[in-house]
Each structure stands twice: as C-alpha cells, then as structure tokens.
C-alpha atoms as a PDB file:
ATOM      1  CA  MET A   1      -7.388   5.523   5.385  1.00  0.00           C
ATOM      2  CA  HIS A   2      -4.438   5.649   3.034  1.00  0.00           C
ATOM      3  CA  ILE A   3      -2.868   8.663   4.021  1.00  0.00           C
ATOM      4  CA  VAL A   4      -2.754   7.571   7.928  1.00  0.00           C
ATOM      5  CA  VAL A   5      -1.093   4.471   6.956  1.00  0.00           C
ATOM      6  CA  HIS A   6       1.285   6.357   4.590  1.00  0.00           C
ATOM      7  CA  GLU A   7       2.229   9.367   7.204  1.00  0.00           C
ATOM      8  CA  ALA A   8       2.886   6.299   9.991  1.00  0.00           C
ATOM      9  CA  ILE A   9       5.221   4.486   7.545  1.00  0.00           C
ATOM     10  CA  HIS A  10       7.422   7.761   7.351  1.00  0.00           C
ATOM     11  CA  VAL A  11       6.807   8.234  11.263  1.00  0.00           C
ATOM     12  CA  ALA A  12       8.575   4.877  11.730  1.00  0.00           C
ATOM     13  CA  GLY A  13      11.692   6.249   9.802  1.00  0.00           C
ATOM     14  CA  GLU A  14      10.966   5.433   5.960  1.00  0.00           C
ATOM     15  CA  ARG A  15      12.183   8.896   3.726  1.00  0.00           C
ATOM     16  CA  SER A  16      11.531   7.293   0.360  1.00  0.00           C
ATOM     17  CA  GLU A  17       7.896   8.156  -0.779  1.00  0.00           C
ATOM     18  CA  ALA A  18       7.643   5.721  -3.671  1.00  0.00           C
ATOM     19  CA  THR A  19       8.707   2.642  -1.112  1.00  0.00           C
ATOM     20  CA  THR A  20       6.354   4.842   1.650  1.00  0.00           C
ATOM     21  CA  GLU A  21       3.829   4.788  -1.248  1.00  0.00           C
ATOM     22  CA  CYS A  22       4.210   1.317  -2.067  1.00  0.00           C
ATOM     23  CA  THR A  23       4.318  -0.426   1.577  1.00  0.00           C
ATOM     24  CA  ALA A  24       0.951   1.738   2.541  1.00  0.00           C
ATOM     25  CA  VAL A  25      -0.569   0.120  -0.050  1.00  0.00           C
ATOM     26  CA  GLN A  26       0.208  -3.156   1.050  1.00  0.00           C
ATOM     27  CA  ARG A  27      -0.610  -2.638   4.779  1.00  0.00           C
ATOM     28  CA  ASP A  28      -3.895  -0.307   3.659  1.00  0.00           C
ATOM     29  CA  ALA A  29      -6.097  -3.883   4.300  1.00  0.00           C
ATOM     30  CA  ARG A  30      -5.082  -4.351   7.210  1.00  0.00           C
ATOM     31  CA  ALA A  31      -5.219  -0.658   8.542  1.00  0.00           C
ATOM     32  CA  ALA A  32      -8.716  -0.715   7.706  1.00  0.00           C
ATOM     33  CA  GLU A  33      -9.765  -4.266   9.546  1.00  0.00           C
ATOM     34  CA  LEU A  34      -8.094  -3.409  12.787  1.00  0.00           C
ATOM     35  CA  LEU A  35     -10.382   0.291  12.242  1.00  0.00           C
ATOM     36  CA  GLY A  36     -13.895  -2.119  11.736  1.00  0.00           C
ATOM     37  CA  ALA A  37     -14.006  -3.269   8.249  1.00  0.00           C
ATOM     38  CA  THR A  38     -14.505  -6.581   7.129  1.00  0.00           C
ATOM     39  CA  PRO A  39     -11.655  -8.471   5.370  1.00  0.00           C
ATOM     40  CA  VAL A  40     -13.641  -8.281   2.259  1.00  0.00           C
ATOM     41  CA  GLN A  41     -14.406  -4.065   2.548  1.00  0.00           C
ATOM     42  CA  ALA A  42     -10.654  -3.767   3.682  1.00  0.00           C
ATOM     43  CA  GLN A  43      -9.281  -6.078   0.433  1.00  0.00           C
ATOM     44  CA  ALA A  44     -11.196  -4.066  -1.817  1.00  0.00           C
ATOM     45  CA  LEU A  45     -10.691  -0.784  -0.166  1.00  0.00           C
ATOM     46  CA  ALA A  46      -6.538  -1.464  -1.053  1.00  0.00           C
ATOM     47  CA  LEU A  47      -7.062  -2.837  -4.358  1.00  0.00           C
ATOM     48  CA  MET A  48      -9.103   0.297  -5.586  1.00  0.00           C
ATOM     49  CA  TYR A  49      -6.537   2.403  -4.046  1.00  0.00           C
ATOM     50  CA  TYR A  50      -3.573   0.164  -5.962  1.00  0.00           C
ATOM     51  CA  GLU A  51      -5.647  -0.165  -8.948  1.00  0.00           C
ATOM     52  CA  GLN A  52      -7.176   3.913  -9.370  1.00  0.00           C
ATOM     53  CA  ALA A  53      -5.421   6.211  -7.310  1.00  0.00           C
ATOM     54  CA  TYR A  54      -1.472   4.809  -7.192  1.00  0.00           C
ATOM     55  CA  PRO A  55      -1.062   4.831 -11.056  1.00  0.00           C
ATOM     56  CA  GLN A  56      -2.176   8.632 -10.986  1.00  0.00           C
ATOM     57  CA  MET A  57       0.314   9.342  -8.310  1.00  0.00           C
ATOM     58  CA  HIS A  58       3.310  11.837  -8.944  1.00  0.00           C
ATOM     59  CA  PRO A  59       6.212  10.165 -10.452  1.00  0.00           C
ATOM     60  CA  ASP A  60       7.985  10.620  -7.056  1.00  0.00           C
ATOM     61  CA  TYR A  61       5.250   8.263  -5.329  1.00  0.00           C
ATOM     62  CA  ARG A  62       5.345   5.845  -7.609  1.00  0.00           C
ATOM     63  CA  SER A  63       7.740   2.834  -8.385  1.00  0.00           C
ATOM     64  CA  GLY A  64       8.179   0.228 -11.630  1.00  0.00           C
ATOM     65  CA  GLY A  65       9.197  -2.267  -8.274  1.00  0.00           C
ATOM     66  CA  CYS A  66       5.700  -1.953  -6.360  1.00  0.00           C
ATOM     67  CA  VAL A  67       3.924  -5.263  -8.342  1.00  0.00           C
ATOM     68  CA  GLU A  68       3.434  -8.510  -6.937  1.00  0.00           C
ATOM     69  CA  ASP A  69       6.603 -10.471  -6.711  1.00  0.00           C
ATOM     70  CA  GLY A  70       8.389  -7.103  -7.380  1.00  0.00           C
ATOM     71  CA  PRO A  71      11.341  -5.631  -5.315  1.00  0.00           C
ATOM     72  CA  LEU A  72       8.948  -3.480  -2.956  1.00  0.00           C
ATOM     73  CA  ASP A  73       6.584  -6.580  -2.043  1.00  0.00           C
ATOM     74  CA  LEU A  74       6.741  -7.255   1.354  1.00  0.00           C
ATOM     75  CA  SER A  75       5.425 -10.767   1.010  1.00  0.00           C
ATOM     76  CA  PRO A  76       6.353 -12.131  -2.286  1.00  0.00           C
ATOM     77  CA  GLY A  77       5.276 -15.456  -3.624  1.00  0.00           C
ATOM     78  CA  ASP A  78       2.546 -15.729  -1.813  1.00  0.00           C
ATOM     79  CA  GLY A  79       0.031 -14.089  -4.152  1.00  0.00           C
ATOM     80  CA  GLN A  80      -0.839 -11.446  -2.004  1.00  0.00           C
ATOM     81  CA  PHE A  81      -0.651  -7.796  -3.171  1.00  0.00           C
ATOM     82  CA  PRO A  82      -1.587  -5.456  -2.346  1.00  0.00           C
END
C-alpha cells in the first residue's frame, strides 16, 4: 500500500524522497480506505508504518519535519498525524 502511494507522489512531480515519504505516510490511510479498508483499519495501517517502518528508513527518506504540526504536516493543527 505505502509503496503505491509513495510512487504516485513521485509521478505527481515531487522529487525529494524525504518529502515524498512524509506525504505518503499521511496519505496512506485515505488510500487504504479507497481500496476497501475500514477507517479503523486504514488508520492502524498508517500509524504502524509511521511508528515501525519510517524510523528504519534510510536517512534520505526521513525528515525531522515529518511530525505532527511540523513543516511537512499536510494539515497542521488538526491533531491528525500521520
């Protein structure tokens, strides 16, 4: 799921791996819902990826700004991250 979202963001024009990865993390739940997951399942999937896989990614794929209300948060201030 995450790889599809990640690559779709590149297709849309984003070149930075760190920005793409952070954006994908935040869009994973919605993509999972569109493919049939329940909202609870979709959010659990996104959170599991963010907490377990994201920290293990190569440094080129991570950013300190990929946190709630950080500079890469797509919807700062809403309490919804990833």
